[in-house]
Amino acid sequence: MLMFSSIVYGQAGKGGELTRDETTIITGALEMTQKTAKDAMTPISDTFSVDVNAVLDMYGWSFTLKMVTLK
């Protein structure tokens, strides 16, 4: 994918050439074709949940960060 970026980047302007951002997006999309859903998933043991009614004030965020660091 680096080859694609180096060929296309730097040719932005009029006439349909790609900008750096467009090249980055396309490169990322092409890299995704080699990944499986498993590559993108987070193991359930590495996740946590917050109650839908939880108040995320300073105390709530503090509690959440403690839960994350305890894992």
C-alpha atoms as a PDB file:
ATOM      1  CA  MET A   1       0.000   0.000   0.000  1.00  0.00           C
ATOM      2  CA  LEU A   2       2.934   2.323   0.560  1.00  0.00           C
ATOM      3  CA  MET A   3       3.676   2.061  -3.150  1.00  0.00           C
ATOM      4  CA  PHE A   4       0.144   3.276  -3.972  1.00  0.00           C
ATOM      5  CA  SER A   5       0.572   6.249  -1.654  1.00  0.00           C
ATOM      6  CA  SER A   6       3.926   7.245  -3.063  1.00  0.00           C
ATOM      7  CA  ILE A   7       2.720   6.979  -6.661  1.00  0.00           C
ATOM      8  CA  VAL A   8      -0.453   9.007  -6.186  1.00  0.00           C
ATOM      9  CA  TYR A   9       0.352  11.500  -3.420  1.00  0.00           C
ATOM     10  CA  GLY A  10       1.788  14.787  -4.504  1.00  0.00           C
ATOM     11  CA  GLN A  11      -0.215  14.928  -7.702  1.00  0.00           C
ATOM     12  CA  ALA A  12      -3.164  16.860  -6.260  1.00  0.00           C
ATOM     13  CA  GLY A  13      -4.670  19.690  -8.206  1.00  0.00           C
ATOM     14  CA  LYS A  14      -7.207  20.215 -10.940  1.00  0.00           C
ATOM     15  CA  GLY A  15      -8.393  17.457 -13.205  1.00  0.00           C
ATOM     16  CA  GLY A  16      -9.313  14.778 -10.677  1.00  0.00           C
ATOM     17  CA  GLU A  17      -5.958  14.049  -9.069  1.00  0.00           C
ATOM     18  CA  LEU A  18      -6.049  12.849  -5.481  1.00  0.00           C
ATOM     19  CA  THR A  19      -5.215  14.900  -2.408  1.00  0.00           C
ATOM     20  CA  ARG A  20      -3.145  13.531   0.468  1.00  0.00           C
ATOM     21  CA  ASP A  21      -6.314  12.931   2.522  1.00  0.00           C
ATOM     22  CA  GLU A  22      -7.986  11.064  -0.331  1.00  0.00           C
ATOM     23  CA  THR A  23      -4.883   8.933  -0.826  1.00  0.00           C
ATOM     24  CA  THR A  24      -4.811   8.123   2.898  1.00  0.00           C
ATOM     25  CA  ILE A  25      -8.471   7.073   2.849  1.00  0.00           C
ATOM     26  CA  ILE A  26      -8.039   4.853  -0.202  1.00  0.00           C
ATOM     27  CA  THR A  27      -4.867   3.280   1.207  1.00  0.00           C
ATOM     28  CA  GLY A  28      -6.675   2.496   4.478  1.00  0.00           C
ATOM     29  CA  ALA A  29      -9.594   0.969   2.605  1.00  0.00           C
ATOM     30  CA  LEU A  30      -7.284  -1.210   0.525  1.00  0.00           C
ATOM     31  CA  GLU A  31      -5.478  -2.394   3.666  1.00  0.00           C
ATOM     32  CA  MET A  32      -8.839  -3.421   5.136  1.00  0.00           C
ATOM     33  CA  THR A  33      -9.335  -5.932   2.308  1.00  0.00           C
ATOM     34  CA  GLN A  34      -6.643  -8.087   3.896  1.00  0.00           C
ATOM     35  CA  LYS A  35      -8.230  -8.085   7.375  1.00  0.00           C
ATOM     36  CA  THR A  36     -10.897 -10.354   8.781  1.00  0.00           C
ATOM     37  CA  ALA A  37     -13.641  -9.471  11.247  1.00  0.00           C
ATOM     38  CA  LYS A  38     -11.604 -11.254  13.917  1.00  0.00           C
ATOM     39  CA  ASP A  39      -8.737  -8.784  13.368  1.00  0.00           C
ATOM     40  CA  ALA A  40     -11.067  -5.873  14.132  1.00  0.00           C
ATOM     41  CA  MET A  41     -12.803  -7.376  17.166  1.00  0.00           C
ATOM     42  CA  THR A  42     -11.988  -6.784  20.833  1.00  0.00           C
ATOM     43  CA  PRO A  43     -12.037  -9.884  23.056  1.00  0.00           C
ATOM     44  CA  ILE A  44     -15.043  -9.776  25.392  1.00  0.00           C
ATOM     45  CA  SER A  45     -12.680 -10.200  28.346  1.00  0.00           C
ATOM     46  CA  ASP A  46     -11.135  -6.809  27.455  1.00  0.00           C
ATOM     47  CA  THR A  47     -14.458  -4.955  27.467  1.00  0.00           C
ATOM     48  CA  PHE A  48     -16.676  -3.434  30.127  1.00  0.00           C
ATOM     49  CA  SER A  49     -20.028  -1.713  30.218  1.00  0.00           C
ATOM     50  CA  VAL A  50     -21.451   1.362  31.860  1.00  0.00           C
ATOM     51  CA  ASP A  51     -25.063   1.462  33.009  1.00  0.00           C
ATOM     52  CA  VAL A  52     -27.247   3.433  30.647  1.00  0.00           C
ATOM     53  CA  ASN A  53     -28.416   5.570  33.590  1.00  0.00           C
ATOM     54  CA  ALA A  54     -24.913   6.249  34.905  1.00  0.00           C
ATOM     55  CA  VAL A  55     -23.974   9.867  35.463  1.00  0.00           C
ATOM     56  CA  LEU A  56     -20.608  10.557  33.879  1.00  0.00           C
ATOM     57  CA  ASP A  57     -19.518  13.416  36.093  1.00  0.00           C
ATOM     58  CA  MET A  58     -16.053  13.516  37.694  1.00  0.00           C
ATOM     59  CA  TYR A  59     -16.984  10.648  40.031  1.00  0.00           C
ATOM     60  CA  GLY A  60     -18.453   8.595  37.192  1.00  0.00           C
ATOM     61  CA  TRP A  61     -15.411   9.057  34.971  1.00  0.00           C
ATOM     62  CA  SER A  62     -13.086   8.325  37.879  1.00  0.00           C
ATOM     63  CA  PHE A  63     -14.932   5.074  38.591  1.00  0.00           C
ATOM     64  CA  THR A  64     -14.869   4.117  34.903  1.00  0.00           C
ATOM     65  CA  LEU A  65     -11.129   4.745  34.608  1.00  0.00           C
ATOM     66  CA  LYS A  66     -10.498   2.648  37.729  1.00  0.00           C
ATOM     67  CA  MET A  67     -12.493  -0.208  36.200  1.00  0.00           C
ATOM     68  CA  VAL A  68     -10.440   0.001  33.013  1.00  0.00           C
ATOM     69  CA  THR A  69      -7.122  -0.074  34.858  1.00  0.00           C
ATOM     70  CA  LEU A  70      -8.211  -3.024  37.028  1.00  0.00           C
ATOM     71  CA  LYS A  71      -8.647  -5.263  33.975  1.00  0.00           C
END
